[in-house]
Amino acid sequence: MNWLLKIVMYSTVIFAITKLTGTLSYYSVWVPAVIVLFFATVGHYADEWILPRLGNIRSALLGGLFMAVVTYGAQAILPGFVVSGWGALMVGVFLGIVEYRMHIDLLKYRPPY
């Protein structure tokens, strides 16, 4: 369920940044889909391994930084994807905020190990 929620939330944020700011551009819907699937998969496993060890704030900050760097670097390997530095930073900041909020519920309802 966490993975599917991440896909919905990440897609919404990336689409909103694309439409509202114009700092991201792509020729095919598959380009952001690849990025979203990658972020959701990495984020799902990070929630299992990193979140319990680092806590919510540090985990969300590292996740946001990771997503900003990967978004900026993705233009080198995904054809037709162009992102400005500000666009990558906005993706990292907004997805980090989304992660922080999702972690609150995840930590609240997660069964103790």
PDB file of N, CA and C in Angstrom:
ATOM      1  N   MET A   1       0.818  -1.197   0.000  1.00  0.00           N
ATOM      2  CA  MET A   1       0.000   0.000   0.000  1.00  0.00           C
ATOM      3  C   MET A   1       0.864   1.264   0.000  1.00  0.00           C
ATOM      4  N   ASN A   2       1.957   1.233   0.748  1.00  0.00           N
ATOM      5  CA  ASN A   2       2.876   2.362   0.817  1.00  0.00           C
ATOM      6  C   ASN A   2       3.428   2.686  -0.572  1.00  0.00           C
ATOM      7  N   TRP A   3       3.762   1.653  -1.335  1.00  0.00           N
ATOM      8  CA  TRP A   3       4.332   1.836  -2.661  1.00  0.00           C
ATOM      9  C   TRP A   3       3.324   2.508  -3.596  1.00  0.00           C
ATOM     10  N   LEU A   4       2.081   2.052  -3.570  1.00  0.00           N
ATOM     11  CA  LEU A   4       1.048   2.644  -4.426  1.00  0.00           C
ATOM     12  C   LEU A   4       0.756   4.093  -4.048  1.00  0.00           C
ATOM     13  N   LEU A   5       0.735   4.373  -2.761  1.00  0.00           N
ATOM     14  CA  LEU A   5       0.518   5.749  -2.315  1.00  0.00           C
ATOM     15  C   LEU A   5       1.654   6.649  -2.781  1.00  0.00           C
ATOM     16  N   LYS A   6       2.876   6.143  -2.717  1.00  0.00           N
ATOM     17  CA  LYS A   6       4.018   6.920  -3.201  1.00  0.00           C
ATOM     18  C   LYS A   6       3.884   7.218  -4.695  1.00  0.00           C
ATOM     19  N   ILE A   7       3.445   6.246  -5.471  1.00  0.00           N
ATOM     20  CA  ILE A   7       3.278   6.465  -6.909  1.00  0.00           C
ATOM     21  C   ILE A   7       2.265   7.582  -7.166  1.00  0.00           C
ATOM     22  N   VAL A   8       1.150   7.538  -6.479  1.00  0.00           N
ATOM     23  CA  VAL A   8       0.116   8.566  -6.663  1.00  0.00           C
ATOM     24  C   VAL A   8       0.639   9.939  -6.237  1.00  0.00           C
ATOM     25  N   MET A   9       1.238  10.016  -5.063  1.00  0.00           N
ATOM     26  CA  MET A   9       1.701  11.307  -4.543  1.00  0.00           C
ATOM     27  C   MET A   9       2.856  11.870  -5.374  1.00  0.00           C
ATOM     28  N   TYR A  10       3.831  11.043  -5.709  1.00  0.00           N
ATOM     29  CA  TYR A  10       4.975  11.511  -6.492  1.00  0.00           C
ATOM     30  C   TYR A  10       4.536  11.970  -7.879  1.00  0.00           C
ATOM     31  N   SER A  11       3.630  11.218  -8.505  1.00  0.00           N
ATOM     32  CA  SER A  11       3.128  11.614  -9.826  1.00  0.00           C
ATOM     33  C   SER A  11       2.430  12.965  -9.763  1.00  0.00           C
ATOM     34  N   THR A  12       1.637  13.154  -8.732  1.00  0.00           N
ATOM     35  CA  THR A  12       0.913  14.413  -8.566  1.00  0.00           C
ATOM     36  C   THR A  12       1.871  15.582  -8.403  1.00  0.00           C
ATOM     37  N   VAL A  13       2.882  15.417  -7.572  1.00  0.00           N
ATOM     38  CA  VAL A  13       3.843  16.501  -7.327  1.00  0.00           C
ATOM     39  C   VAL A  13       4.639  16.814  -8.588  1.00  0.00           C
ATOM     40  N   ILE A  14       5.141  15.795  -9.265  1.00  0.00           N
ATOM     41  CA  ILE A  14       5.942  16.039 -10.469  1.00  0.00           C
ATOM     42  C   ILE A  14       5.085  16.673 -11.568  1.00  0.00           C
ATOM     43  N   PHE A  15       3.862  16.207 -11.737  1.00  0.00           N
ATOM     44  CA  PHE A  15       2.965  16.804 -12.730  1.00  0.00           C
ATOM     45  C   PHE A  15       2.669  18.264 -12.383  1.00  0.00           C
ATOM     46  N   ALA A  16       2.412  18.545 -11.110  1.00  0.00           N
ATOM     47  CA  ALA A  16       2.113  19.920 -10.688  1.00  0.00           C
ATOM     48  C   ALA A  16       3.305  20.837 -10.926  1.00  0.00           C
ATOM     49  N   ILE A  17       4.494  20.385 -10.581  1.00  0.00           N
ATOM     50  CA  ILE A  17       5.688  21.214 -10.802  1.00  0.00           C
ATOM     51  C   ILE A  17       5.878  21.461 -12.295  1.00  0.00           C
ATOM     52  N   THR A  18       5.652  20.444 -13.103  1.00  0.00           N
ATOM     53  CA  THR A  18       5.785  20.596 -14.553  1.00  0.00           C
ATOM     54  C   THR A  18       4.810  21.638 -15.088  1.00  0.00           C
ATOM     55  N   LYS A  19       3.559  21.550 -14.689  1.00  0.00           N
ATOM     56  CA  LYS A  19       2.535  22.444 -15.227  1.00  0.00           C
ATOM     57  C   LYS A  19       2.604  23.853 -14.647  1.00  0.00           C
ATOM     58  N   LEU A  20       2.932  23.967 -13.375  1.00  0.00           N
ATOM     59  CA  LEU A  20       2.895  25.278 -12.727  1.00  0.00           C
ATOM     60  C   LEU A  20       4.161  26.099 -12.932  1.00  0.00           C
ATOM     61  N   THR A  21       5.299  25.442 -13.087  1.00  0.00           N
ATOM     62  CA  THR A  21       6.546  26.203 -13.161  1.00  0.00           C
ATOM     63  C   THR A  21       7.253  26.102 -14.502  1.00  0.00           C
ATOM     64  N   GLY A  22       7.045  25.023 -15.217  1.00  0.00           N
ATOM     65  CA  GLY A  22       7.732  24.853 -16.491  1.00  0.00           C
ATOM     66  C   GLY A  22       9.209  24.527 -16.356  1.00  0.00           C
ATOM     67  N   THR A  23       9.656  24.152 -15.170  1.00  0.00           N
ATOM     68  CA  THR A  23      11.072  23.848 -14.968  1.00  0.00           C
ATOM     69  C   THR A  23      11.414  22.403 -15.312  1.00  0.00           C
ATOM     70  N   LEU A  24      10.401  21.589 -15.591  1.00  0.00           N
ATOM     71  CA  LEU A  24      10.589  20.219 -16.065  1.00  0.00           C
ATOM     72  C   LEU A  24       9.911  20.109 -17.413  1.00  0.00           C
ATOM     73  N   SER A  25      10.554  19.437 -18.350  1.00  0.00           N
ATOM     74  CA  SER A  25       9.880  19.170 -19.624  1.00  0.00           C
ATOM     75  C   SER A  25      10.277  17.781 -20.104  1.00  0.00           C
ATOM     76  N   TYR A  26       9.330  17.126 -20.747  1.00  0.00           N
ATOM     77  CA  TYR A  26       9.570  15.783 -21.264  1.00  0.00           C
ATOM     78  C   TYR A  26       8.663  15.565 -22.459  1.00  0.00           C
ATOM     79  N   TYR A  27       9.109  14.692 -23.367  1.00  0.00           N
ATOM     80  CA  TYR A  27       8.371  14.458 -24.604  1.00  0.00           C
ATOM     81  C   TYR A  27       7.368  13.326 -24.490  1.00  0.00           C
ATOM     82  N   SER A  28       7.548  12.466 -23.516  1.00  0.00           N
ATOM     83  CA  SER A  28       6.673  11.310 -23.365  1.00  0.00           C
ATOM     84  C   SER A  28       6.289  11.150 -21.905  1.00  0.00           C
ATOM     85  N   VAL A  29       5.101  10.656 -21.662  1.00  0.00           N
ATOM     86  CA  VAL A  29       4.639  10.429 -20.293  1.00  0.00           C
ATOM     87  C   VAL A  29       5.461   9.329 -19.615  1.00  0.00           C
ATOM     88  N   TRP A  30       6.166   8.535 -20.394  1.00  0.00           N
ATOM     89  CA  TRP A  30       6.968   7.454 -19.820  1.00  0.00           C
ATOM     90  C   TRP A  30       8.179   7.969 -19.062  1.00  0.00           C
ATOM     91  N   VAL A  31       8.660   9.137 -19.406  1.00  0.00           N
ATOM     92  CA  VAL A  31       9.835   9.682 -18.711  1.00  0.00           C
ATOM     93  C   VAL A  31       9.533   9.946 -17.238  1.00  0.00           C
ATOM     94  N   PRO A  32       8.516  10.731 -16.888  1.00  0.00           N
ATOM     95  CA  PRO A  32       8.234  10.895 -15.459  1.00  0.00           C
ATOM     96  C   PRO A  32       7.746   9.598 -14.813  1.00  0.00           C
ATOM     97  N   ALA A  33       7.120   8.720 -15.601  1.00  0.00           N
ATOM     98  CA  ALA A  33       6.670   7.439 -15.035  1.00  0.00           C
ATOM     99  C   ALA A  33       7.854   6.603 -14.569  1.00  0.00           C
ATOM    100  N   VAL A  34       8.931   6.601 -15.339  1.00  0.00           N
ATOM    101  CA  VAL A  34      10.141   5.868 -14.938  1.00  0.00           C
ATOM    102  C   VAL A  34      10.708   6.458 -13.657  1.00  0.00           C
ATOM    103  N   ILE A  35      10.770   7.779 -13.583  1.00  0.00           N
ATOM    104  CA  ILE A  35      11.298   8.438 -12.387  1.00  0.00           C
ATOM    105  C   ILE A  35      10.419   8.128 -11.175  1.00  0.00           C
ATOM    106  N   VAL A  36       9.115   8.223 -11.334  1.00  0.00           N
ATOM    107  CA  VAL A  36       8.187   7.959 -10.225  1.00  0.00           C
ATOM    108  C   VAL A  36       8.298   6.511  -9.756  1.00  0.00           C
ATOM    109  N   LEU A  37       8.351   5.567 -10.677  1.00  0.00           N
ATOM    110  CA  LEU A  37       8.485   4.155 -10.290  1.00  0.00           C
ATOM    111  C   LEU A  37       9.801   3.903  -9.560  1.00  0.00           C
ATOM    112  N   PHE A  38      10.872   4.535 -10.027  1.00  0.00           N
ATOM    113  CA  PHE A  38      12.162   4.395  -9.352  1.00  0.00           C
ATOM    114  C   PHE A  38      12.098   4.972  -7.941  1.00  0.00           C
ATOM    115  N   PHE A  39      11.566   6.188  -7.807  1.00  0.00           N
ATOM    116  CA  PHE A  39      11.459   6.813  -6.480  1.00  0.00           C
ATOM    117  C   PHE A  39      10.570   6.001  -5.542  1.00  0.00           C
ATOM    118  N   ALA A  40       9.453   5.498  -6.046  1.00  0.00           N
ATOM    119  CA  ALA A  40       8.533   4.730  -5.199  1.00  0.00           C
ATOM    120  C   ALA A  40       9.177   3.430  -4.729  1.00  0.00           C
ATOM    121  N   THR A  41       9.915   2.776  -5.608  1.00  0.00           N
ATOM    122  CA  THR A  41      10.566   1.517  -5.232  1.00  0.00           C
ATOM    123  C   THR A  41      11.679   1.755  -4.225  1.00  0.00           C
ATOM    124  N   VAL A  42      12.541   2.713  -4.500  1.00  0.00           N
ATOM    125  CA  VAL A  42      13.617   3.027  -3.557  1.00  0.00           C
ATOM    126  C   VAL A  42      13.030   3.518  -2.238  1.00  0.00           C
ATOM    127  N   GLY A  43      12.011   4.359  -2.303  1.00  0.00           N
ATOM    128  CA  GLY A  43      11.382   4.892  -1.096  1.00  0.00           C
ATOM    129  C   GLY A  43      10.718   3.827  -0.249  1.00  0.00           C
ATOM    130  N   HIS A  44      10.125   2.841  -0.903  1.00  0.00           N
ATOM    131  CA  HIS A  44       9.489   1.750  -0.159  1.00  0.00           C
ATOM    132  C   HIS A  44      10.520   1.001   0.682  1.00  0.00           C
ATOM    133  N   TYR A  45      11.653   0.677   0.083  1.00  0.00           N
ATOM    134  CA  TYR A  45      12.695  -0.035   0.827  1.00  0.00           C
ATOM    135  C   TYR A  45      13.392   0.877   1.834  1.00  0.00           C
ATOM    136  N   ALA A  46      13.534   2.142   1.503  1.00  0.00           N
ATOM    137  CA  ALA A  46      14.131   3.086   2.456  1.00  0.00           C
ATOM    138  C   ALA A  46      13.255   3.232   3.692  1.00  0.00           C
ATOM    139  N   ASP A  47      11.943   3.184   3.509  1.00  0.00           N
ATOM    140  CA  ASP A  47      11.038   3.258   4.663  1.00  0.00           C
ATOM    141  C   ASP A  47      11.216   2.059   5.587  1.00  0.00           C
ATOM    142  N   GLU A  48      11.611   0.938   5.037  1.00  0.00           N
ATOM    143  CA  GLU A  48      11.828  -0.260   5.853  1.00  0.00           C
ATOM    144  C   GLU A  48      13.191  -0.251   6.536  1.00  0.00           C
ATOM    145  N   TRP A  49      14.214   0.271   5.869  1.00  0.00           N
ATOM    146  CA  TRP A  49      15.578   0.177   6.388  1.00  0.00           C
ATOM    147  C   TRP A  49      16.087   1.469   7.015  1.00  0.00           C
ATOM    148  N   ILE A  50      15.835   2.598   6.392  1.00  0.00           N
ATOM    149  CA  ILE A  50      16.433   3.861   6.840  1.00  0.00           C
ATOM    150  C   ILE A  50      15.552   4.592   7.843  1.00  0.00           C
ATOM    151  N   LEU A  51      14.260   4.651   7.590  1.00  0.00           N
ATOM    152  CA  LEU A  51      13.344   5.390   8.462  1.00  0.00           C
ATOM    153  C   LEU A  51      13.418   4.941   9.917  1.00  0.00           C
ATOM    154  N   PRO A  52      13.405   3.646  10.219  1.00  0.00           N
ATOM    155  CA  PRO A  52      13.482   3.252  11.634  1.00  0.00           C
ATOM    156  C   PRO A  52      14.813   3.619  12.296  1.00  0.00           C
ATOM    157  N   ARG A  53      15.877   3.714  11.512  1.00  0.00           N
ATOM    158  CA  ARG A  53      17.203   3.995  12.070  1.00  0.00           C
ATOM    159  C   ARG A  53      17.483   5.490  12.238  1.00  0.00           C
ATOM    160  N   LEU A  54      17.037   6.294  11.280  1.00  0.00           N
ATOM    161  CA  LEU A  54      17.359   7.724  11.305  1.00  0.00           C
ATOM    162  C   LEU A  54      16.236   8.602  11.835  1.00  0.00           C
ATOM    163  N   GLY A  55      15.022   8.107  11.834  1.00  0.00           N
ATOM    164  CA  GLY A  55      13.894   8.926  12.254  1.00  0.00           C
ATOM    165  C   GLY A  55      13.308   9.688  11.082  1.00  0.00           C
ATOM    166  N   ASN A  56      12.220  10.372  11.343  1.00  0.00           N
ATOM    167  CA  ASN A  56      11.448  11.001  10.278  1.00  0.00           C
ATOM    168  C   ASN A  56      12.161  12.188   9.635  1.00  0.00           C
ATOM    169  N   ILE A  57      12.667  13.100  10.432  1.00  0.00           N
ATOM    170  CA  ILE A  57      13.233  14.330   9.863  1.00  0.00           C
ATOM    171  C   ILE A  57      14.461  14.041   9.010  1.00  0.00           C
ATOM    172  N   ARG A  58      15.424  13.310   9.563  1.00  0.00           N
ATOM    173  CA  ARG A  58      16.640  13.019   8.794  1.00  0.00           C
ATOM    174  C   ARG A  58      16.335  12.154   7.575  1.00  0.00           C
ATOM    175  N   SER A  59      15.424  11.215   7.725  1.00  0.00           N
ATOM    176  CA  SER A  59      15.051  10.360   6.600  1.00  0.00           C
ATOM    177  C   SER A  59      14.403  11.178   5.482  1.00  0.00           C
ATOM    178  N   ALA A  60      13.514  12.095   5.829  1.00  0.00           N
ATOM    179  CA  ALA A  60      12.859  12.936   4.821  1.00  0.00           C
ATOM    180  C   ALA A  60      13.858  13.887   4.159  1.00  0.00           C
ATOM    181  N   LEU A  61      14.784  14.439   4.923  1.00  0.00           N
ATOM    182  CA  LEU A  61      15.807  15.320   4.350  1.00  0.00           C
ATOM    183  C   LEU A  61      16.712  14.568   3.380  1.00  0.00           C
ATOM    184  N   LEU A  62      17.171  13.396   3.786  1.00  0.00           N
ATOM    185  CA  LEU A  62      18.012  12.598   2.896  1.00  0.00           C
ATOM    186  C   LEU A  62      17.242  12.141   1.663  1.00  0.00           C
ATOM    187  N   GLY A  63      15.984  11.780   1.853  1.00  0.00           N
ATOM    188  CA  GLY A  63      15.156  11.381   0.719  1.00  0.00           C
ATOM    189  C   GLY A  63      14.943  12.522  -0.262  1.00  0.00           C
ATOM    190  N   GLY A  64      14.674  13.711   0.252  1.00  0.00           N
ATOM    191  CA  GLY A  64      14.502  14.873  -0.613  1.00  0.00           C
ATOM    192  C   GLY A  64      15.772  15.208  -1.377  1.00  0.00           C
ATOM    193  N   LEU A  65      16.919  15.135  -0.700  1.00  0.00           N
ATOM    194  CA  LEU A  65      18.203  15.382  -1.363  1.00  0.00           C
ATOM    195  C   LEU A  65      18.458  14.337  -2.444  1.00  0.00           C
ATOM    196  N   PHE A  66      18.214  13.079  -2.112  1.00  0.00           N
ATOM    197  CA  PHE A  66      18.384  11.992  -3.081  1.00  0.00           C
ATOM    198  C   PHE A  66      17.509  12.225  -4.310  1.00  0.00           C
ATOM    199  N   MET A  67      16.249  12.580  -4.093  1.00  0.00           N
ATOM    200  CA  MET A  67      15.329  12.770  -5.214  1.00  0.00           C
ATOM    201  C   MET A  67      15.710  13.980  -6.066  1.00  0.00           C
ATOM    202  N   ALA A  68      16.223  15.036  -5.447  1.00  0.00           N
ATOM    203  CA  ALA A  68      16.663  16.202  -6.217  1.00  0.00           C
ATOM    204  C   ALA A  68      17.857  15.848  -7.100  1.00  0.00           C
ATOM    205  N   VAL A  69      18.823  15.136  -6.538  1.00  0.00           N
ATOM    206  CA  VAL A  69      20.021  14.760  -7.298  1.00  0.00           C
ATOM    207  C   VAL A  69      19.664  13.796  -8.430  1.00  0.00           C
ATOM    208  N   VAL A  70      18.840  12.810  -8.141  1.00  0.00           N
ATOM    209  CA  VAL A  70      18.445  11.844  -9.172  1.00  0.00           C
ATOM    210  C   VAL A  70      17.628  12.527 -10.266  1.00  0.00           C
ATOM    211  N   THR A  71      16.743  13.434  -9.900  1.00  0.00           N
ATOM    212  CA  THR A  71      15.944  14.146 -10.902  1.00  0.00           C
ATOM    213  C   THR A  71      16.845  14.944 -11.832  1.00  0.00           C
ATOM    214  N   TYR A  72      17.826  15.638 -11.266  1.00  0.00           N
ATOM    215  CA  TYR A  72      18.733  16.420 -12.102  1.00  0.00           C
ATOM    216  C   TYR A  72      19.600  15.510 -12.973  1.00  0.00           C
ATOM    217  N   GLY A  73      20.060  14.409 -12.396  1.00  0.00           N
ATOM    218  CA  GLY A  73      20.907  13.484 -13.146  1.00  0.00           C
ATOM    219  C   GLY A  73      20.157  12.672 -14.185  1.00  0.00           C
ATOM    220  N   ALA A  74      18.862  12.522 -14.023  1.00  0.00           N
ATOM    221  CA  ALA A  74      18.070  11.694 -14.942  1.00  0.00           C
ATOM    222  C   ALA A  74      18.050  12.250 -16.355  1.00  0.00           C
ATOM    223  N   GLN A  75      18.257  13.537 -16.511  1.00  0.00           N
ATOM    224  CA  GLN A  75      18.238  14.109 -17.855  1.00  0.00           C
ATOM    225  C   GLN A  75      19.401  13.610 -18.701  1.00  0.00           C
ATOM    226  N   ALA A  76      20.434  13.084 -18.044  1.00  0.00           N
ATOM    227  CA  ALA A  76      21.569  12.542 -18.781  1.00  0.00           C
ATOM    228  C   ALA A  76      21.273  11.162 -19.365  1.00  0.00           C
ATOM    229  N   ILE A  77      20.306  10.437 -18.779  1.00  0.00           N
ATOM    230  CA  ILE A  77      20.049   9.079 -19.255  1.00  0.00           C
ATOM    231  C   ILE A  77      18.646   8.872 -19.829  1.00  0.00           C
ATOM    232  N   LEU A  78      17.735   9.784 -19.562  1.00  0.00           N
ATOM    233  CA  LEU A  78      16.377   9.656 -20.100  1.00  0.00           C
ATOM    234  C   LEU A  78      16.204  10.615 -21.276  1.00  0.00           C
ATOM    235  N   PRO A  79      16.000  10.081 -22.470  1.00  0.00           N
ATOM    236  CA  PRO A  79      15.878  10.954 -23.642  1.00  0.00           C
ATOM    237  C   PRO A  79      14.625  11.830 -23.571  1.00  0.00           C
ATOM    238  N   GLY A  80      14.802  13.075 -23.939  1.00  0.00           N
ATOM    239  CA  GLY A  80      13.678  14.001 -23.969  1.00  0.00           C
ATOM    240  C   GLY A  80      13.319  14.619 -22.635  1.00  0.00           C
ATOM    241  N   PHE A  81      14.131  14.397 -21.618  1.00  0.00           N
ATOM    242  CA  PHE A  81      13.850  14.944 -20.288  1.00  0.00           C
ATOM    243  C   PHE A  81      14.819  16.087 -20.023  1.00  0.00           C
ATOM    244  N   VAL A  82      14.280  17.254 -19.743  1.00  0.00           N
ATOM    245  CA  VAL A  82      15.091  18.429 -19.442  1.00  0.00           C
ATOM    246  C   VAL A  82      14.581  19.026 -18.146  1.00  0.00           C
ATOM    247  N   VAL A  83      15.496  19.278 -17.220  1.00  0.00           N
ATOM    248  CA  VAL A  83      15.120  19.853 -15.929  1.00  0.00           C
ATOM    249  C   VAL A  83      16.157  20.895 -15.539  1.00  0.00           C
ATOM    250  N   SER A  84      15.687  22.006 -15.015  1.00  0.00           N
ATOM    251  CA  SER A  84      16.610  23.031 -14.528  1.00  0.00           C
ATOM    252  C   SER A  84      17.040  22.672 -13.109  1.00  0.00           C
ATOM    253  N   GLY A  85      18.058  23.336 -12.629  1.00  0.00           N
ATOM    254  CA  GLY A  85      18.494  23.121 -11.251  1.00  0.00           C
ATOM    255  C   GLY A  85      17.398  23.456 -10.256  1.00  0.00           C
ATOM    256  N   TRP A  86      16.678  24.558 -10.529  1.00  0.00           N
ATOM    257  CA  TRP A  86      15.569  24.937  -9.651  1.00  0.00           C
ATOM    258  C   TRP A  86      14.451  23.907  -9.689  1.00  0.00           C
ATOM    259  N   GLY A  87      14.206  23.361 -10.853  1.00  0.00           N
ATOM    260  CA  GLY A  87      13.173  22.336 -10.975  1.00  0.00           C
ATOM    261  C   GLY A  87      13.515  21.094 -10.168  1.00  0.00           C
ATOM    262  N   ALA A  88      14.770  20.665 -10.253  1.00  0.00           N
ATOM    263  CA  ALA A  88      15.205  19.501  -9.469  1.00  0.00           C
ATOM    264  C   ALA A  88      15.126  19.797  -7.979  1.00  0.00           C
ATOM    265  N   LEU A  89      15.498  21.013  -7.601  1.00  0.00           N
ATOM    266  CA  LEU A  89      15.418  21.395  -6.188  1.00  0.00           C
ATOM    267  C   LEU A  89      13.966  21.410  -5.711  1.00  0.00           C
ATOM    268  N   MET A  90      13.061  21.937  -6.535  1.00  0.00           N
ATOM    269  CA  MET A  90      11.640  21.941  -6.154  1.00  0.00           C
ATOM    270  C   MET A  90      11.097  20.523  -6.010  1.00  0.00           C
ATOM    271  N   VAL A  91      11.483  19.642  -6.921  1.00  0.00           N
ATOM    272  CA  VAL A  91      11.050  18.245  -6.814  1.00  0.00           C
ATOM    273  C   VAL A  91      11.537  17.660  -5.497  1.00  0.00           C
ATOM    274  N   GLY A  92      12.812  17.875  -5.168  1.00  0.00           N
ATOM    275  CA  GLY A  92      13.357  17.349  -3.921  1.00  0.00           C
ATOM    276  C   GLY A  92      12.672  17.908  -2.689  1.00  0.00           C
ATOM    277  N   VAL A  93      12.430  19.209  -2.681  1.00  0.00           N
ATOM    278  CA  VAL A  93      11.798  19.842  -1.513  1.00  0.00           C
ATOM    279  C   VAL A  93      10.360  19.357  -1.344  1.00  0.00           C
ATOM    280  N   PHE A  94       9.583  19.405  -2.419  1.00  0.00           N
ATOM    281  CA  PHE A  94       8.173  19.022  -2.288  1.00  0.00           C
ATOM    282  C   PHE A  94       7.995  17.527  -2.035  1.00  0.00           C
ATOM    283  N   LEU A  95       8.806  16.699  -2.678  1.00  0.00           N
ATOM    284  CA  LEU A  95       8.706  15.267  -2.397  1.00  0.00           C
ATOM    285  C   LEU A  95       9.222  14.948  -0.998  1.00  0.00           C
ATOM    286  N   GLY A  96      10.199  15.710  -0.517  1.00  0.00           N
ATOM    287  CA  GLY A  96      10.652  15.537   0.867  1.00  0.00           C
ATOM    288  C   GLY A  96       9.550  15.876   1.860  1.00  0.00           C
ATOM    289  N   ILE A  97       8.794  16.927   1.575  1.00  0.00           N
ATOM    290  CA  ILE A  97       7.660  17.292   2.441  1.00  0.00           C
ATOM    291  C   ILE A  97       6.589  16.201   2.410  1.00  0.00           C
ATOM    292  N   VAL A  98       6.308  15.682   1.221  1.00  0.00           N
ATOM    293  CA  VAL A  98       5.338  14.585   1.099  1.00  0.00           C
ATOM    294  C   VAL A  98       5.817  13.372   1.892  1.00  0.00           C
ATOM    295  N   GLU A  99       7.101  13.058   1.769  1.00  0.00           N
ATOM    296  CA  GLU A  99       7.664  11.925   2.511  1.00  0.00           C
ATOM    297  C   GLU A  99       7.534  12.138   4.018  1.00  0.00           C
ATOM    298  N   TYR A 100       7.844  13.328   4.472  1.00  0.00           N
ATOM    299  CA  TYR A 100       7.749  13.624   5.904  1.00  0.00           C
ATOM    300  C   TYR A 100       6.336  13.355   6.408  1.00  0.00           C
ATOM    301  N   ARG A 101       5.348  13.826   5.662  1.00  0.00           N
ATOM    302  CA  ARG A 101       3.952  13.634   6.074  1.00  0.00           C
ATOM    303  C   ARG A 101       3.547  12.166   6.021  1.00  0.00           C
ATOM    304  N   MET A 102       3.988  11.461   5.005  1.00  0.00           N
ATOM    305  CA  MET A 102       3.666  10.038   4.905  1.00  0.00           C
ATOM    306  C   MET A 102       4.342   9.241   6.020  1.00  0.00           C
ATOM    307  N   HIS A 103       5.539   9.644   6.401  1.00  0.00           N
ATOM    308  CA  HIS A 103       6.252   8.943   7.473  1.00  0.00           C
ATOM    309  C   HIS A 103       5.529   9.068   8.811  1.00  0.00           C
ATOM    310  N   ILE A 104       4.869  10.189   9.040  1.00  0.00           N
ATOM    311  CA  ILE A 104       4.130  10.362  10.297  1.00  0.00           C
ATOM    312  C   ILE A 104       3.103   9.250  10.446  1.00  0.00           C
ATOM    313  N   ASP A 105       2.325   9.015   9.404  1.00  0.00           N
ATOM    314  CA  ASP A 105       1.324   7.947   9.470  1.00  0.00           C
ATOM    315  C   ASP A 105       1.965   6.572   9.476  1.00  0.00           C
ATOM    316  N   LEU A 106       3.030   6.416   8.714  1.00  0.00           N
ATOM    317  CA  LEU A 106       3.697   5.121   8.663  1.00  0.00           C
ATOM    318  C   LEU A 106       4.260   4.739  10.024  1.00  0.00           C
ATOM    319  N   LEU A 107       4.869   5.695  10.710  1.00  0.00           N
ATOM    320  CA  LEU A 107       5.421   5.414  12.037  1.00  0.00           C
ATOM    321  C   LEU A 107       4.318   5.218  13.071  1.00  0.00           C
ATOM    322  N   LYS A 108       3.205   5.911  12.886  1.00  0.00           N
ATOM    323  CA  LYS A 108       2.101   5.817  13.844  1.00  0.00           C
ATOM    324  C   LYS A 108       1.422   4.454  13.796  1.00  0.00           C
ATOM    325  N   TYR A 109       1.230   3.920  12.593  1.00  0.00           N
ATOM    326  CA  TYR A 109       0.451   2.695  12.437  1.00  0.00           C
ATOM    327  C   TYR A 109       1.292   1.444  12.191  1.00  0.00           C
ATOM    328  N   ARG A 110       2.603   1.595  12.180  1.00  0.00           N
ATOM    329  CA  ARG A 110       3.468   0.438  11.948  1.00  0.00           C
ATOM    330  C   ARG A 110       3.498  -0.436  13.194  1.00  0.00           C
ATOM    331  N   PRO A 111       3.338  -1.743  13.025  1.00  0.00           N
ATOM    332  CA  PRO A 111       3.425  -2.614  14.202  1.00  0.00           C
ATOM    333  C   PRO A 111       4.854  -2.648  14.732  1.00  0.00           C
ATOM    334  N   PRO A 112       5.025  -2.729  16.031  1.00  0.00           N
ATOM    335  CA  PRO A 112       6.380  -2.769  16.587  1.00  0.00           C
ATOM    336  C   PRO A 112       7.070  -4.071  16.203  1.00  0.00           C
ATOM    337  N   TYR A 113       8.377  -3.985  16.013  1.00  0.00           N
ATOM    338  CA  TYR A 113       9.152  -5.176  15.645  1.00  0.00           C
ATOM    339  C   TYR A 113       9.740  -5.818  16.866  1.00  0.00           C
TER     340      TYR A 113
END
